[in-house]
Amino acid sequence: MSEKLQQIINKQQIQDDPSLTDLDDIVQLVGFVIGDEEYSVPILSIQEIIKPISWTRVPQTPNYVLGVFNLRGSVIPLIDLRMRFGLREQKHTEDTRFIVIKDEDEVAGFVIDRLTEAIRLSKRDIGPAPEAAQTSDTMIEGVGKQKDKILTILKVAKLLERTF
């Protein structure tokens, strides 16, 4: 687990919450922003979170595939989530991060606009994807309710699918 991710976990809601007494009832997520929306993925799917590094373009790939980068000897595809979600491309800022996600043997890096926080939700606070998004191609796992905000929880397997 990356140092940045560990800092977020230590700093955020991982404190004891009396309403979350049954550990089997808790889902741990990492939140991040793309455009104006906040999304999240399960914390266990994250290999690490890093500041942007250089990458190499790969010809004849979808426009949202920026290319590949080398992470300690592993060549990893890099996907711009803004473009994958149909938003316009944006220059990287001080807040931009690469979030490396792994599911079984699949791994890819995703460009996110900003990391937000580690999140603990009770399973009862997570609802299904909106009806309009309940197709086999949807990337939405569900919608989490947290205090005064709504969080879109993404399907890791769908994010990693068809990267090339």
Protein backbone atom coordinates (compact mmCIF):
# COMPACT_ATOMS: atom_id res chain seq x y z
CA MET A 1 0.00 0.00 0.00
CA SER A 2 1.38 3.40 -0.91
CA GLU A 3 2.48 5.92 1.70
CA LYS A 4 -0.07 8.48 0.46
CA LEU A 5 -2.91 5.98 0.75
CA GLN A 6 -1.78 5.04 4.26
CA GLN A 7 -1.76 8.72 5.24
CA ILE A 8 -5.29 9.14 3.96
CA ILE A 9 -6.47 6.10 5.87
CA ASN A 10 -4.82 7.27 9.07
CA LYS A 11 -6.15 10.80 8.68
CA GLN A 12 -9.72 10.06 7.71
CA GLN A 13 -12.76 8.22 8.94
CA ILE A 14 -10.98 5.09 10.03
CA GLN A 15 -11.68 6.19 13.59
CA ASP A 16 -14.14 4.20 15.64
CA ASP A 17 -17.71 4.97 14.65
CA PRO A 18 -20.27 3.58 17.11
CA SER A 19 -22.78 3.05 14.29
CA LEU A 20 -20.35 0.72 12.49
CA THR A 21 -19.90 -2.07 14.98
CA ASP A 22 -20.10 -5.11 12.69
CA LEU A 23 -16.95 -5.21 10.55
CA ASP A 24 -18.67 -7.48 8.00
CA ASP A 25 -21.15 -4.65 7.41
CA ILE A 26 -18.43 -2.12 6.47
CA VAL A 27 -17.20 -1.29 2.97
CA GLN A 28 -13.91 0.62 2.76
CA LEU A 29 -13.46 2.85 -0.28
CA VAL A 30 -11.12 5.51 -1.58
CA GLY A 31 -12.77 8.61 -2.97
CA PHE A 32 -11.53 10.75 -5.85
CA VAL A 33 -12.81 13.49 -8.10
CA ILE A 34 -13.17 13.46 -11.89
CA GLY A 35 -14.55 16.74 -13.23
CA ASP A 36 -17.23 17.87 -10.79
CA GLU A 37 -18.19 14.41 -9.52
CA GLU A 38 -16.86 12.24 -6.72
CA TYR A 39 -16.29 8.54 -7.36
CA SER A 40 -14.87 5.72 -5.31
CA VAL A 41 -13.42 2.23 -5.62
CA PRO A 42 -12.87 -0.45 -2.96
CA ILE A 43 -9.67 0.23 -1.06
CA LEU A 44 -8.43 -3.34 -1.53
CA SER A 45 -8.40 -2.90 -5.32
CA ILE A 46 -5.82 -0.11 -5.10
CA GLN A 47 -2.22 -1.13 -5.60
CA GLU A 48 -0.92 2.40 -5.05
CA ILE A 49 -1.45 6.09 -5.67
CA ILE A 50 1.37 8.16 -7.16
CA LYS A 51 2.08 11.61 -8.50
CA PRO A 52 2.10 11.73 -12.32
CA ILE A 53 5.19 10.33 -14.00
CA SER A 54 6.17 10.21 -17.67
CA TRP A 55 4.45 7.75 -19.97
CA THR A 56 4.87 6.51 -23.53
CA ARG A 57 2.09 6.88 -26.08
CA VAL A 58 0.84 3.71 -27.76
CA PRO A 59 -0.48 4.11 -31.32
CA GLN A 60 -3.93 2.97 -32.43
CA THR A 61 -5.51 2.90 -28.98
CA PRO A 62 -8.74 4.60 -27.87
CA ASN A 63 -8.33 8.32 -27.13
CA TYR A 64 -8.72 7.75 -23.37
CA VAL A 65 -5.68 5.42 -23.31
CA LEU A 66 -2.78 7.81 -22.85
CA GLY A 67 -0.19 5.07 -23.21
CA VAL A 68 1.91 3.02 -20.80
CA PHE A 69 4.24 3.82 -17.92
CA ASN A 70 6.93 1.89 -16.10
CA LEU A 71 6.29 1.29 -12.41
CA ARG A 72 9.23 -0.53 -10.84
CA GLY A 73 9.76 -2.73 -13.88
CA SER A 74 6.09 -3.35 -14.71
CA VAL A 75 4.62 -1.78 -17.84
CA ILE A 76 1.15 -0.50 -16.95
CA PRO A 77 -1.49 1.02 -19.25
CA LEU A 78 -2.54 4.58 -18.36
CA ILE A 79 -6.19 5.61 -18.78
CA ASP A 80 -7.46 9.17 -18.49
CA LEU A 81 -10.75 8.81 -16.59
CA ARG A 82 -11.90 12.29 -17.66
CA MET A 83 -11.79 11.20 -21.30
CA ARG A 84 -13.16 7.72 -20.53
CA PHE A 85 -16.18 9.40 -18.92
CA GLY A 86 -16.67 11.70 -21.90
CA LEU A 87 -15.22 14.86 -20.34
CA ARG A 88 -12.72 17.09 -22.10
CA GLU A 89 -9.02 16.59 -21.57
CA GLN A 90 -7.41 18.76 -18.91
CA LYS A 91 -3.80 19.58 -18.07
CA HIS A 92 -2.44 17.94 -14.96
CA THR A 93 -2.40 20.05 -11.81
CA GLU A 94 -0.70 19.78 -8.45
CA ASP A 95 -3.65 17.61 -7.31
CA THR A 96 -3.57 15.16 -10.26
CA ARG A 97 -2.70 11.59 -9.31
CA PHE A 98 -2.28 8.21 -10.97
CA ILE A 99 -4.28 5.59 -9.11
CA VAL A 100 -3.04 2.07 -9.89
CA ILE A 101 -5.88 -0.44 -9.64
CA LYS A 102 -5.59 -4.21 -9.69
CA ASP A 103 -8.18 -6.96 -10.04
CA GLU A 104 -6.79 -10.49 -10.20
CA ASP A 105 -4.19 -10.37 -13.02
CA GLU A 106 -5.43 -7.10 -14.56
CA VAL A 107 -3.74 -3.85 -13.59
CA ALA A 108 -3.95 -0.31 -14.97
CA GLY A 109 -3.20 3.23 -13.93
CA PHE A 110 -5.95 5.85 -14.03
CA VAL A 111 -5.50 9.61 -14.11
CA ILE A 112 -7.72 11.27 -11.51
CA ASP A 113 -8.19 14.98 -10.94
CA ARG A 114 -7.94 14.86 -7.16
CA LEU A 115 -7.84 12.34 -4.33
CA THR A 116 -10.42 13.00 -1.61
CA GLU A 117 -10.51 10.61 1.31
CA ALA A 118 -10.69 7.09 2.67
CA ILE A 119 -14.32 6.25 3.26
CA ARG A 120 -16.06 3.71 5.47
CA LEU A 121 -19.67 3.01 4.65
CA SER A 122 -22.14 0.58 6.08
CA LYS A 123 -23.51 -1.75 3.42
CA ARG A 124 -26.99 -0.43 4.31
CA ASP A 125 -25.86 3.02 3.07
CA ILE A 126 -25.09 1.67 -0.40
CA GLY A 127 -27.86 1.40 -2.94
CA PRO A 128 -27.93 -0.10 -6.43
CA ALA A 129 -26.86 1.83 -9.51
CA PRO A 130 -29.58 4.17 -10.82
CA GLU A 131 -32.06 2.37 -13.06
CA ALA A 132 -30.81 4.20 -16.15
CA ALA A 133 -27.31 2.84 -15.47
CA GLN A 134 -28.30 -0.76 -14.80
CA THR A 135 -26.94 -2.22 -18.02
CA SER A 136 -24.31 -4.90 -18.43
CA ASP A 137 -21.86 -2.25 -19.69
CA THR A 138 -22.23 0.12 -16.74
CA MET A 139 -19.19 1.00 -14.69
CA ILE A 140 -21.38 1.85 -11.69
CA GLU A 141 -21.44 -0.71 -8.89
CA GLY A 142 -23.72 1.34 -6.65
CA VAL A 143 -24.39 4.64 -4.98
CA GLY A 144 -23.24 5.35 -1.44
CA LYS A 145 -24.88 7.84 0.89
CA GLN A 146 -22.48 9.64 3.20
CA LYS A 147 -23.70 12.49 5.39
CA ASP A 148 -24.67 15.22 2.94
CA LYS A 149 -23.21 13.73 -0.24
CA ILE A 150 -23.73 10.95 -2.74
CA LEU A 151 -20.80 8.83 -3.92
CA THR A 152 -20.70 6.80 -7.13
CA ILE A 153 -18.98 3.47 -6.52
CA LEU A 154 -17.29 2.14 -9.65
CA LYS A 155 -16.90 -1.48 -10.77
CA VAL A 156 -13.20 -2.26 -10.78
CA ALA A 157 -13.55 -5.09 -13.33
CA LYS A 158 -15.34 -2.74 -15.77
CA LEU A 159 -12.69 -0.03 -15.32
CA LEU A 160 -9.98 -2.54 -16.23
CA GLU A 161 -11.92 -4.09 -19.09
CA ARG A 162 -10.95 -3.17 -22.67
CA THR A 163 -8.06 -0.89 -21.78
CA PHE A 164 -6.52 -1.67 -25.20
